[in-house]
Amino acid sequence: MLRHHSEAQARRPVYNDPWKRREAWRSHPIFSKASNFKTLFPGLGWATAAFAVYCTYEHFMLKDKKHH
């Protein structure tokens, strides 16, 4: 943990270009391509797993001999 204000300012990046500071949010990890792809379809992993379990259950446990 930082103990002094001067330590906090020493760790803060120095921006010489005024527009660079305003554009810094674009490089934040929450706006990365990987983050956007992960949040594109929330719950898709759980739904795929549940569907696979159901299909396996139906295939092995619900055998109906009169099924066409």
Protein backbone atom coordinates (compact mmCIF):
# COMPACT_ATOMS: atom_id res chain seq x y z
CA MET A 1 0.00 0.00 0.00
CA LEU A 2 1.21 3.48 -0.79
CA ARG A 3 2.24 5.48 2.24
CA HIS A 4 2.80 8.94 0.81
CA HIS A 5 1.17 11.07 -1.83
CA SER A 6 4.50 11.44 -3.61
CA GLU A 7 4.70 7.66 -4.08
CA ALA A 8 1.27 7.64 -5.67
CA GLN A 9 2.25 10.39 -8.06
CA ALA A 10 5.50 8.64 -8.90
CA ARG A 11 3.56 5.56 -10.03
CA ARG A 12 1.08 7.60 -12.09
CA PRO A 13 1.99 7.71 -15.80
CA VAL A 14 3.06 11.03 -17.20
CA TYR A 15 1.04 12.28 -20.16
CA ASN A 16 2.66 14.92 -22.33
CA ASP A 17 0.09 14.72 -25.07
CA PRO A 18 -3.33 16.00 -23.86
CA TRP A 19 -5.19 13.79 -26.34
CA LYS A 20 -3.31 10.67 -25.30
CA ARG A 21 -4.76 10.92 -21.83
CA ARG A 22 -8.27 11.24 -23.26
CA GLU A 23 -7.76 8.19 -25.46
CA ALA A 24 -6.22 6.01 -22.71
CA TRP A 25 -9.55 4.31 -21.97
CA ARG A 26 -9.35 2.48 -25.31
CA SER A 27 -6.44 0.35 -24.10
CA HIS A 28 -8.24 -0.67 -20.90
CA PRO A 29 -8.64 -4.50 -20.62
CA ILE A 30 -12.43 -4.31 -20.37
CA PHE A 31 -12.60 -3.02 -23.95
CA SER A 32 -10.33 -5.69 -25.44
CA LYS A 33 -11.47 -8.05 -28.19
CA ALA A 34 -11.17 -11.10 -25.91
CA SER A 35 -13.33 -9.49 -23.25
CA ASN A 36 -15.99 -8.54 -25.78
CA PHE A 37 -16.03 -12.07 -27.23
CA LYS A 38 -16.41 -13.64 -23.78
CA THR A 39 -19.38 -11.43 -22.94
CA LEU A 40 -21.00 -11.70 -26.36
CA PHE A 41 -23.01 -14.81 -25.45
CA PRO A 42 -23.33 -15.02 -21.66
CA GLY A 43 -24.28 -18.49 -20.49
CA LEU A 44 -23.41 -20.21 -23.76
CA GLY A 45 -20.93 -22.53 -22.02
CA TRP A 46 -23.43 -23.61 -19.37
CA ALA A 47 -26.17 -24.07 -21.96
CA THR A 48 -23.93 -26.20 -24.18
CA ALA A 49 -22.91 -28.39 -21.25
CA ALA A 50 -26.53 -28.81 -20.10
CA PHE A 51 -27.63 -29.71 -23.64
CA ALA A 52 -24.85 -32.29 -23.94
CA VAL A 53 -25.84 -33.87 -20.62
CA TYR A 54 -29.49 -33.99 -21.70
CA CYS A 55 -28.65 -35.55 -25.07
CA THR A 56 -26.48 -38.18 -23.36
CA TYR A 57 -29.24 -38.95 -20.85
CA GLU A 58 -31.84 -39.21 -23.60
CA HIS A 59 -29.65 -41.46 -25.73
CA PHE A 60 -28.75 -43.95 -22.98
CA MET A 61 -31.64 -43.82 -20.50
CA LEU A 62 -34.73 -43.22 -22.60
CA LYS A 63 -34.50 -46.01 -25.14
CA ASP A 64 -37.84 -46.52 -26.79
CA LYS A 65 -38.13 -49.55 -29.05
CA LYS A 66 -41.16 -48.19 -30.89
CA HIS A 67 -39.45 -44.98 -31.91
CA HIS A 68 -39.43 -44.45 -35.67
